[in-house]
Amino acid sequence: MQYLVIAVRAMIGVVFLIAFASKSAGRGRFTAFVESLPAMGVVPPRLVGPAAWAVVGAEGAVCALLIVESDGATVAGLALAAGLLSVFAAAIARTIRRGTGATCRCFGASAAPLGRRHLLRNVLLTTVAAAAGLMTLADQAPATATGAIVAAVAGLVAGALVTVLDDLAELFGPSRARRAPDPTRAHHPKAIRNIRDIREEPCQS
């Protein structure tokens, strides 16, 4: 069980580290994050700035707590992560219901609108973080160095994959060309057939 906690700690840590860095590494990125919040319709306009600072500060705090080699710090970091993720999930759910088409700025500039996969991602991460926090409170046998390294690497890889969810969905999902209906084919089938007949008609000299 201690290896599962190590893996989750690494996964949540890298997720929040990338989220923190993508918003705070430069004024332009933070400004883009601030400007994306009004479209979600979950924060009053006058509180957009403070809310953005609070999110970035809390994400940085999660990273700092999960780095510390202490059960207390680990529990606090996972609890804070679970709380933030649940708030994010609620905000995403409301945005989806409103149909605002707001984009996901969770890990930097993304053109993907918030959707069910983002909601599912946050719900799963909330559950995993909360479960790992509870496991940390239980008595655990000390982990071996090799086992801890393997668990940490697995967690880092899993966390990195979480942060590129939109890229993976774009890569492996159906292409826009296949998803988008052909209006000409849908509404003018007879005209298309006539054009094909003309093209296939042999030339006469």
C-alpha atoms as a PDB file:
ATOM      1  CA  MET A   1       0.000   0.000   0.000  1.00  0.00           C
ATOM      2  CA  GLN A   2       2.929   2.335   0.671  1.00  0.00           C
ATOM      3  CA  TYR A   3       3.984   1.994  -2.962  1.00  0.00           C
ATOM      4  CA  LEU A   4       0.538   3.033  -4.127  1.00  0.00           C
ATOM      5  CA  VAL A   5       0.777   6.137  -1.949  1.00  0.00           C
ATOM      6  CA  ILE A   6       4.193   6.944  -3.420  1.00  0.00           C
ATOM      7  CA  ALA A   7       2.853   6.543  -6.958  1.00  0.00           C
ATOM      8  CA  VAL A   8      -0.197   8.721  -6.276  1.00  0.00           C
ATOM      9  CA  ARG A   9       1.938  11.313  -4.541  1.00  0.00           C
ATOM     10  CA  ALA A  10       4.199  11.522  -7.601  1.00  0.00           C
ATOM     11  CA  MET A  11       1.257  11.591 -10.014  1.00  0.00           C
ATOM     12  CA  ILE A  12      -0.646  14.328  -8.182  1.00  0.00           C
ATOM     13  CA  GLY A  13       2.586  16.237  -7.642  1.00  0.00           C
ATOM     14  CA  VAL A  14       3.515  16.349 -11.325  1.00  0.00           C
ATOM     15  CA  VAL A  15      -0.065  17.205 -12.348  1.00  0.00           C
ATOM     16  CA  PHE A  16      -0.137  20.208 -10.030  1.00  0.00           C
ATOM     17  CA  LEU A  17       3.444  21.199 -10.840  1.00  0.00           C
ATOM     18  CA  ILE A  18       2.668  21.395 -14.557  1.00  0.00           C
ATOM     19  CA  ALA A  19      -0.622  23.175 -13.841  1.00  0.00           C
ATOM     20  CA  PHE A  20       1.193  25.701 -11.637  1.00  0.00           C
ATOM     21  CA  ALA A  21       4.030  26.266 -14.099  1.00  0.00           C
ATOM     22  CA  SER A  22       1.717  26.620 -17.107  1.00  0.00           C
ATOM     23  CA  LYS A  23      -0.136  29.475 -15.409  1.00  0.00           C
ATOM     24  CA  SER A  24       2.717  31.255 -13.632  1.00  0.00           C
ATOM     25  CA  ALA A  25       5.658  30.931 -16.051  1.00  0.00           C
ATOM     26  CA  GLY A  26       5.302  34.379 -17.565  1.00  0.00           C
ATOM     27  CA  ARG A  27       2.846  37.239 -17.413  1.00  0.00           C
ATOM     28  CA  GLY A  28       1.274  36.239 -20.711  1.00  0.00           C
ATOM     29  CA  ARG A  29       0.312  32.786 -19.480  1.00  0.00           C
ATOM     30  CA  PHE A  30      -1.181  34.063 -16.262  1.00  0.00           C
ATOM     31  CA  THR A  31      -3.100  36.746 -18.158  1.00  0.00           C
ATOM     32  CA  ALA A  32      -4.469  34.106 -20.536  1.00  0.00           C
ATOM     33  CA  PHE A  33      -5.621  32.045 -17.556  1.00  0.00           C
ATOM     34  CA  VAL A  34      -7.315  35.065 -15.979  1.00  0.00           C
ATOM     35  CA  GLU A  35      -9.054  35.931 -19.251  1.00  0.00           C
ATOM     36  CA  SER A  36     -10.368  32.370 -19.606  1.00  0.00           C
ATOM     37  CA  LEU A  37     -12.255  32.423 -16.290  1.00  0.00           C
ATOM     38  CA  PRO A  38     -15.146  34.765 -17.236  1.00  0.00           C
ATOM     39  CA  ALA A  39     -16.192  32.423 -20.067  1.00  0.00           C
ATOM     40  CA  MET A  40     -16.779  29.666 -17.522  1.00  0.00           C
ATOM     41  CA  GLY A  41     -19.379  31.800 -15.767  1.00  0.00           C
ATOM     42  CA  VAL A  42     -18.557  30.486 -12.293  1.00  0.00           C
ATOM     43  CA  VAL A  43     -16.748  33.507 -10.833  1.00  0.00           C
ATOM     44  CA  PRO A  44     -18.149  37.058 -10.576  1.00  0.00           C
ATOM     45  CA  PRO A  45     -16.185  39.470 -12.796  1.00  0.00           C
ATOM     46  CA  ARG A  46     -14.867  41.461  -9.838  1.00  0.00           C
ATOM     47  CA  LEU A  47     -13.439  38.279  -8.272  1.00  0.00           C
ATOM     48  CA  VAL A  48     -11.753  36.859 -11.366  1.00  0.00           C
ATOM     49  CA  GLY A  49      -8.322  38.249 -10.473  1.00  0.00           C
ATOM     50  CA  PRO A  50      -8.320  37.115  -6.820  1.00  0.00           C
ATOM     51  CA  ALA A  51      -9.706  33.711  -7.833  1.00  0.00           C
ATOM     52  CA  ALA A  52      -6.902  33.223 -10.369  1.00  0.00           C
ATOM     53  CA  TRP A  53      -4.256  34.120  -7.787  1.00  0.00           C
ATOM     54  CA  ALA A  54      -5.877  31.775  -5.266  1.00  0.00           C
ATOM     55  CA  VAL A  55      -5.851  28.877  -7.738  1.00  0.00           C
ATOM     56  CA  VAL A  56      -2.195  29.378  -8.657  1.00  0.00           C
ATOM     57  CA  GLY A  57      -1.187  29.784  -5.017  1.00  0.00           C
ATOM     58  CA  ALA A  58      -3.060  26.648  -3.973  1.00  0.00           C
ATOM     59  CA  GLU A  59      -1.522  24.635  -6.811  1.00  0.00           C
ATOM     60  CA  GLY A  60       1.934  25.751  -5.732  1.00  0.00           C
ATOM     61  CA  ALA A  61       1.139  24.814  -2.133  1.00  0.00           C
ATOM     62  CA  VAL A  62       0.154  21.285  -3.192  1.00  0.00           C
ATOM     63  CA  CYS A  63       3.507  20.867  -4.956  1.00  0.00           C
ATOM     64  CA  ALA A  64       5.442  22.145  -1.944  1.00  0.00           C
ATOM     65  CA  LEU A  65       3.601  19.888   0.511  1.00  0.00           C
ATOM     66  CA  LEU A  66       4.032  16.753  -1.588  1.00  0.00           C
ATOM     67  CA  ILE A  67       7.785  17.308  -1.901  1.00  0.00           C
ATOM     68  CA  VAL A  68       8.286  17.249   1.877  1.00  0.00           C
ATOM     69  CA  GLU A  69       9.166  13.798   3.257  1.00  0.00           C
ATOM     70  CA  SER A  70       6.581  13.780   6.019  1.00  0.00           C
ATOM     71  CA  ASP A  71       3.338  11.891   6.476  1.00  0.00           C
ATOM     72  CA  GLY A  72       1.689  15.042   7.799  1.00  0.00           C
ATOM     73  CA  ALA A  73       2.768  17.089   4.785  1.00  0.00           C
ATOM     74  CA  THR A  74       1.693  14.298   2.421  1.00  0.00           C
ATOM     75  CA  VAL A  75      -1.761  14.075   3.988  1.00  0.00           C
ATOM     76  CA  ALA A  76      -2.128  17.863   3.889  1.00  0.00           C
ATOM     77  CA  GLY A  77      -0.984  18.030   0.264  1.00  0.00           C
ATOM     78  CA  LEU A  78      -3.299  15.247  -0.870  1.00  0.00           C
ATOM     79  CA  ALA A  79      -6.217  16.720   1.075  1.00  0.00           C
ATOM     80  CA  LEU A  80      -5.636  20.149  -0.485  1.00  0.00           C
ATOM     81  CA  ALA A  81      -5.328  18.533  -3.920  1.00  0.00           C
ATOM     82  CA  ALA A  82      -8.573  16.605  -3.447  1.00  0.00           C
ATOM     83  CA  GLY A  83     -10.349  19.767  -2.317  1.00  0.00           C
ATOM     84  CA  LEU A  84      -9.107  21.794  -5.276  1.00  0.00           C
ATOM     85  CA  LEU A  85      -9.929  19.046  -7.757  1.00  0.00           C
ATOM     86  CA  SER A  86     -13.457  18.725  -6.401  1.00  0.00           C
ATOM     87  CA  VAL A  87     -13.958  22.483  -6.766  1.00  0.00           C
ATOM     88  CA  PHE A  88     -12.584  22.335 -10.305  1.00  0.00           C
ATOM     89  CA  ALA A  89     -14.903  19.412 -11.104  1.00  0.00           C
ATOM     90  CA  ALA A  90     -17.918  21.353  -9.853  1.00  0.00           C
ATOM     91  CA  ALA A  91     -16.898  24.378 -11.938  1.00  0.00           C
ATOM     92  CA  ILE A  92     -16.439  22.228 -15.042  1.00  0.00           C
ATOM     93  CA  ALA A  93     -19.816  20.543 -14.521  1.00  0.00           C
ATOM     94  CA  ARG A  94     -21.528  23.922 -14.300  1.00  0.00           C
ATOM     95  CA  THR A  95     -19.697  25.167 -17.380  1.00  0.00           C
ATOM     96  CA  ILE A  96     -20.805  22.099 -19.344  1.00  0.00           C
ATOM     97  CA  ARG A  97     -24.424  22.606 -18.298  1.00  0.00           C
ATOM     98  CA  ARG A  98     -24.301  26.257 -19.337  1.00  0.00           C
ATOM     99  CA  GLY A  99     -22.810  25.353 -22.713  1.00  0.00           C
ATOM    100  CA  THR A 100     -20.475  28.347 -22.759  1.00  0.00           C
ATOM    101  CA  GLY A 101     -17.799  26.576 -24.798  1.00  0.00           C
ATOM    102  CA  ALA A 102     -15.074  27.777 -22.428  1.00  0.00           C
ATOM    103  CA  THR A 103     -11.650  26.307 -23.165  1.00  0.00           C
ATOM    104  CA  CYS A 104      -9.519  24.316 -20.744  1.00  0.00           C
ATOM    105  CA  ARG A 105      -6.580  26.341 -19.411  1.00  0.00           C
ATOM    106  CA  CYS A 106      -5.698  23.719 -16.801  1.00  0.00           C
ATOM    107  CA  PHE A 107      -2.260  23.026 -18.277  1.00  0.00           C
ATOM    108  CA  GLY A 108      -1.626  26.030 -20.484  1.00  0.00           C
ATOM    109  CA  ALA A 109      -3.075  27.190 -23.766  1.00  0.00           C
ATOM    110  CA  SER A 110      -5.560  24.667 -25.096  1.00  0.00           C
ATOM    111  CA  ALA A 111      -8.216  25.098 -27.739  1.00  0.00           C
ATOM    112  CA  ALA A 112     -10.219  22.166 -26.390  1.00  0.00           C
ATOM    113  CA  PRO A 113     -13.542  23.224 -24.836  1.00  0.00           C
ATOM    114  CA  LEU A 114     -14.317  21.903 -21.378  1.00  0.00           C
ATOM    115  CA  GLY A 115     -16.211  18.647 -21.670  1.00  0.00           C
ATOM    116  CA  ARG A 116     -17.047  15.383 -20.005  1.00  0.00           C
ATOM    117  CA  ARG A 117     -13.526  14.013 -20.235  1.00  0.00           C
ATOM    118  CA  HIS A 118     -12.240  16.945 -18.155  1.00  0.00           C
ATOM    119  CA  LEU A 119     -14.978  16.356 -15.598  1.00  0.00           C
ATOM    120  CA  LEU A 120     -14.206  12.632 -15.441  1.00  0.00           C
ATOM    121  CA  ARG A 121     -10.486  13.344 -15.126  1.00  0.00           C
ATOM    122  CA  ASN A 122     -10.994  15.620 -12.138  1.00  0.00           C
ATOM    123  CA  VAL A 123     -13.431  13.266 -10.424  1.00  0.00           C
ATOM    124  CA  LEU A 124     -10.984  10.371 -10.772  1.00  0.00           C
ATOM    125  CA  LEU A 125      -8.052  12.460  -9.544  1.00  0.00           C
ATOM    126  CA  THR A 126     -10.118  13.645  -6.575  1.00  0.00           C
ATOM    127  CA  THR A 127     -10.952  10.067  -5.637  1.00  0.00           C
ATOM    128  CA  VAL A 128      -7.361   8.881  -6.019  1.00  0.00           C
ATOM    129  CA  ALA A 129      -5.925  11.775  -3.993  1.00  0.00           C
ATOM    130  CA  ALA A 130      -8.446  11.323  -1.188  1.00  0.00           C
ATOM    131  CA  ALA A 131      -7.865   7.555  -1.054  1.00  0.00           C
ATOM    132  CA  ALA A 132      -4.081   7.987  -0.941  1.00  0.00           C
ATOM    133  CA  GLY A 133      -4.429  10.525   1.858  1.00  0.00           C
ATOM    134  CA  LEU A 134      -6.425   8.033   3.922  1.00  0.00           C
ATOM    135  CA  MET A 135      -3.870   5.301   3.200  1.00  0.00           C
ATOM    136  CA  THR A 136      -1.093   7.570   4.464  1.00  0.00           C
ATOM    137  CA  LEU A 137      -2.810   7.775   7.847  1.00  0.00           C
ATOM    138  CA  ALA A 138      -2.683   3.984   8.214  1.00  0.00           C
ATOM    139  CA  ASP A 139       0.364   2.171   9.579  1.00  0.00           C
ATOM    140  CA  GLN A 140       2.582   1.144   6.690  1.00  0.00           C
ATOM    141  CA  ALA A 141       5.699  -0.966   6.429  1.00  0.00           C
ATOM    142  CA  PRO A 142       8.764   0.946   5.213  1.00  0.00           C
ATOM    143  CA  ALA A 143       9.249   0.901   1.458  1.00  0.00           C
ATOM    144  CA  THR A 144      12.396  -0.411  -0.160  1.00  0.00           C
ATOM    145  CA  ALA A 145      14.471   1.993  -2.230  1.00  0.00           C
ATOM    146  CA  THR A 146      13.934   0.054  -5.451  1.00  0.00           C
ATOM    147  CA  GLY A 147      10.193  -0.260  -4.933  1.00  0.00           C
ATOM    148  CA  ALA A 148       9.886   3.429  -4.094  1.00  0.00           C
ATOM    149  CA  ILE A 149      11.757   4.442  -7.250  1.00  0.00           C
ATOM    150  CA  VAL A 150       9.606   2.212  -9.458  1.00  0.00           C
ATOM    151  CA  ALA A 151       6.406   3.529  -7.859  1.00  0.00           C
ATOM    152  CA  ALA A 152       7.552   7.142  -8.201  1.00  0.00           C
ATOM    153  CA  VAL A 153       8.466   6.723 -11.870  1.00  0.00           C
ATOM    154  CA  ALA A 154       5.113   5.078 -12.583  1.00  0.00           C
ATOM    155  CA  GLY A 155       3.353   7.967 -10.864  1.00  0.00           C
ATOM    156  CA  LEU A 156       5.333  10.560 -12.799  1.00  0.00           C
ATOM    157  CA  VAL A 157       4.481   8.898 -16.109  1.00  0.00           C
ATOM    158  CA  ALA A 158       0.803   8.669 -15.177  1.00  0.00           C
ATOM    159  CA  GLY A 159       0.767  12.326 -14.154  1.00  0.00           C
ATOM    160  CA  ALA A 160       2.415  13.399 -17.395  1.00  0.00           C
ATOM    161  CA  LEU A 161      -0.206  11.478 -19.385  1.00  0.00           C
ATOM    162  CA  VAL A 162      -2.978  13.194 -17.439  1.00  0.00           C
ATOM    163  CA  THR A 163      -1.633  16.610 -18.406  1.00  0.00           C
ATOM    164  CA  VAL A 164      -1.689  15.779 -22.129  1.00  0.00           C
ATOM    165  CA  LEU A 165      -5.241  14.417 -22.087  1.00  0.00           C
ATOM    166  CA  ASP A 166      -6.416  16.898 -24.725  1.00  0.00           C
ATOM    167  CA  ASP A 167      -3.488  16.072 -27.013  1.00  0.00           C
ATOM    168  CA  LEU A 168      -4.183  12.345 -26.680  1.00  0.00           C
ATOM    169  CA  ALA A 169      -7.886  12.872 -27.355  1.00  0.00           C
ATOM    170  CA  GLU A 170      -7.041  14.868 -30.481  1.00  0.00           C
ATOM    171  CA  LEU A 171      -4.509  12.272 -31.626  1.00  0.00           C
ATOM    172  CA  PHE A 172      -6.574   9.132 -31.111  1.00  0.00           C
ATOM    173  CA  GLY A 173     -10.082  10.557 -31.444  1.00  0.00           C
ATOM    174  CA  PRO A 174     -12.023  10.805 -34.711  1.00  0.00           C
ATOM    175  CA  SER A 175     -10.689  13.501 -36.996  1.00  0.00           C
ATOM    176  CA  ARG A 176     -12.673  16.640 -37.666  1.00  0.00           C
ATOM    177  CA  ALA A 177     -12.983  15.628 -41.286  1.00  0.00           C
ATOM    178  CA  ARG A 178     -14.736  12.416 -40.273  1.00  0.00           C
ATOM    179  CA  ARG A 179     -16.863  14.098 -37.614  1.00  0.00           C
ATOM    180  CA  ALA A 180     -18.048  17.009 -39.754  1.00  0.00           C
ATOM    181  CA  PRO A 181     -20.926  16.153 -42.094  1.00  0.00           C
ATOM    182  CA  ASP A 182     -20.609  17.077 -45.736  1.00  0.00           C
ATOM    183  CA  PRO A 183     -23.435  19.567 -46.354  1.00  0.00           C
ATOM    184  CA  THR A 184     -23.194  19.104 -50.130  1.00  0.00           C
ATOM    185  CA  ARG A 185     -23.558  15.363 -49.857  1.00  0.00           C
ATOM    186  CA  ALA A 186     -26.328  15.645 -47.286  1.00  0.00           C
ATOM    187  CA  HIS A 187     -28.521  18.182 -49.059  1.00  0.00           C
ATOM    188  CA  HIS A 188     -27.744  17.805 -52.773  1.00  0.00           C
ATOM    189  CA  PRO A 189     -27.244  14.101 -53.551  1.00  0.00           C
ATOM    190  CA  LYS A 190     -28.860  14.461 -56.997  1.00  0.00           C
ATOM    191  CA  ALA A 191     -26.517  17.265 -57.975  1.00  0.00           C
ATOM    192  CA  ILE A 192     -23.541  15.168 -56.894  1.00  0.00           C
ATOM    193  CA  ARG A 193     -24.735  12.242 -59.005  1.00  0.00           C
ATOM    194  CA  ASN A 194     -25.131  14.527 -62.038  1.00  0.00           C
ATOM    195  CA  ILE A 195     -21.597  15.823 -61.610  1.00  0.00           C
ATOM    196  CA  ARG A 196     -20.264  12.279 -61.377  1.00  0.00           C
ATOM    197  CA  ASP A 197     -22.162  11.299 -64.554  1.00  0.00           C
ATOM    198  CA  ILE A 198     -20.651  14.245 -66.431  1.00  0.00           C
ATOM    199  CA  ARG A 199     -17.134  13.342 -65.241  1.00  0.00           C
ATOM    200  CA  GLU A 200     -17.547   9.687 -66.183  1.00  0.00           C
ATOM    201  CA  GLU A 201     -19.120  10.388 -69.628  1.00  0.00           C
ATOM    202  CA  PRO A 202     -16.508   9.613 -72.320  1.00  0.00           C
ATOM    203  CA  CYS A 203     -15.378  12.447 -74.545  1.00  0.00           C
ATOM    204  CA  GLN A 204     -16.601  12.332 -78.155  1.00  0.00           C
ATOM    205  CA  SER A 205     -14.552  13.850 -80.948  1.00  0.00           C
END
